[in-house]
Structures are given as C-alpha cells and as structure tokens.
Amino acid sequence: MKLAVEMAVMELDGEWNAVAVGEDSTKFRGMLRLNETAADIIKLLAKDTDEDAINRELVKLYPDSSADEIAPFVTEFLDQLRKADLIIE
C-alpha cells in the first residue's frame, strides 16, 4: 500500500501537517492535521509498504511504546486514510 497522492509533511508552529504537492494538489486540495505518529505514518506511506512494516518502523521510532500499543493506532489511522481514498492498496 502507499499514498494515492504525493504529500509533503511538515511541522509548523508545533503542529504537524500534510498537504498534497505537485500535480496531486489538484486531486486532494485539503490539509491533514496530524500528530507526530500520524506524520511518521504518512512519511512511511510515500513508498510501497504494508501495515506490519509500518508497525515495525514505529516500534523503532518510539521505543517507549510497545507493538501492542502502536498497532491499534496504525490500523485506525490507515482506515481513516482509506475512507478518504488516500491509500492505494
């Protein structure tokens, strides 16, 4: 799976945001407000990956959180992206 649109992720004034860039900005004209973990997921979805790989990477990035704590958040966020048609399976 990967993002259906190319997105730039940035932190502005302590808030994480993602916006579509290039030609994809005509496909998705909004902005996603994210927490830091969601921003990391968006970055990981820039290339083809799967949910298990995302979970493994987040466990490395957040060693104070267990895989059991991270997995439900990943699933929920991916489901939200799917509902918005922002993921290609």
Protein backbone atom coordinates (compact mmCIF):
# COMPACT_ATOMS: atom_id res chain seq x y z
CA MET A 1 0.00 0.00 0.00
CA LYS A 2 1.06 3.60 -0.48
CA LEU A 3 -0.38 7.08 -0.58
CA ALA A 4 -2.64 7.82 -3.54
CA VAL A 5 -1.19 11.35 -3.71
CA GLU A 6 2.28 12.72 -3.10
CA MET A 7 2.27 14.61 0.19
CA ALA A 8 4.69 16.90 1.94
CA VAL A 9 4.78 16.55 5.71
CA MET A 10 5.91 19.50 7.77
CA GLU A 11 5.86 20.82 11.29
CA LEU A 12 4.59 24.38 11.57
CA ASP A 13 4.47 26.09 14.94
CA GLY A 14 4.50 22.76 16.76
CA GLU A 15 1.72 21.23 14.64
CA TRP A 16 2.25 18.52 12.04
CA ASN A 17 0.52 18.93 8.68
CA ALA A 18 0.48 17.15 5.34
CA VAL A 19 -0.51 18.67 2.01
CA ALA A 20 -0.63 17.25 -1.48
CA VAL A 21 2.11 18.56 -3.75
CA GLY A 22 2.74 18.85 -7.47
CA GLU A 23 0.06 17.59 -9.82
CA ASP A 24 -1.54 15.73 -6.93
CA SER A 25 -2.55 19.04 -5.35
CA THR A 26 -5.46 19.08 -7.81
CA LYS A 27 -6.59 15.63 -6.59
CA PHE A 28 -6.51 16.47 -2.89
CA ARG A 29 -6.93 20.12 -2.02
CA GLY A 30 -7.08 19.83 1.74
CA MET A 31 -4.57 19.70 4.53
CA LEU A 32 -4.24 16.92 7.07
CA ARG A 33 -3.55 17.97 10.65
CA LEU A 34 -1.57 15.20 12.26
CA ASN A 35 0.06 14.20 15.46
CA GLU A 36 3.71 13.19 15.24
CA THR A 37 2.97 9.47 14.90
CA ALA A 38 0.48 10.06 12.08
CA ALA A 39 3.09 12.24 10.36
CA ASP A 40 5.55 9.35 10.57
CA ILE A 41 2.96 7.02 9.03
CA ILE A 42 2.36 9.43 6.13
CA LYS A 43 6.13 9.56 5.53
CA LEU A 44 6.31 5.75 5.53
CA LEU A 45 3.45 5.58 3.02
CA ALA A 46 5.45 7.62 0.50
CA LYS A 47 6.78 4.28 -0.76
CA ASP A 48 5.05 0.94 -1.11
CA THR A 49 4.78 -0.73 2.30
CA ASP A 50 2.37 -2.74 4.42
CA GLU A 51 0.82 -2.38 7.84
CA ASP A 52 3.24 -4.79 9.51
CA ALA A 53 6.24 -2.84 8.19
CA ILE A 54 4.73 0.41 9.44
CA ASN A 55 4.23 -1.12 12.88
CA ARG A 56 7.85 -2.36 12.97
CA GLU A 57 9.21 1.06 11.98
CA LEU A 58 7.11 2.86 14.58
CA VAL A 59 8.31 0.49 17.32
CA LYS A 60 11.86 1.52 16.36
CA LEU A 61 10.95 5.22 16.35
CA TYR A 62 9.04 5.02 19.64
CA PRO A 63 10.90 2.52 21.83
CA ASP A 64 8.88 3.53 24.91
CA SER A 65 5.72 2.21 23.23
CA SER A 66 5.01 -1.47 22.67
CA ALA A 67 3.86 -3.04 19.43
CA ASP A 68 0.54 -3.77 21.16
CA GLU A 69 0.09 -0.04 21.87
CA ILE A 70 1.11 1.08 18.39
CA ALA A 71 -0.82 -1.42 16.23
CA PRO A 72 -4.37 -0.20 17.03
CA PHE A 73 -3.41 3.41 16.28
CA VAL A 74 -1.87 2.39 12.95
CA THR A 75 -4.95 0.38 11.96
CA GLU A 76 -7.31 3.21 12.88
CA PHE A 77 -5.28 5.85 11.03
CA LEU A 78 -4.93 3.68 7.91
CA ASP A 79 -8.70 3.11 7.96
CA GLN A 80 -9.25 6.88 8.04
CA LEU A 81 -6.91 7.32 5.08
CA ARG A 82 -8.74 4.56 3.20
CA LYS A 83 -12.12 6.23 3.81
CA ALA A 84 -10.66 9.44 2.35
CA ASP A 85 -9.37 7.48 -0.69
CA LEU A 86 -5.80 8.47 0.15
CA ILE A 87 -4.31 4.96 0.03
CA ILE A 88 -3.65 2.66 -2.92
CA GLU A 89 -3.72 -0.98 -1.81
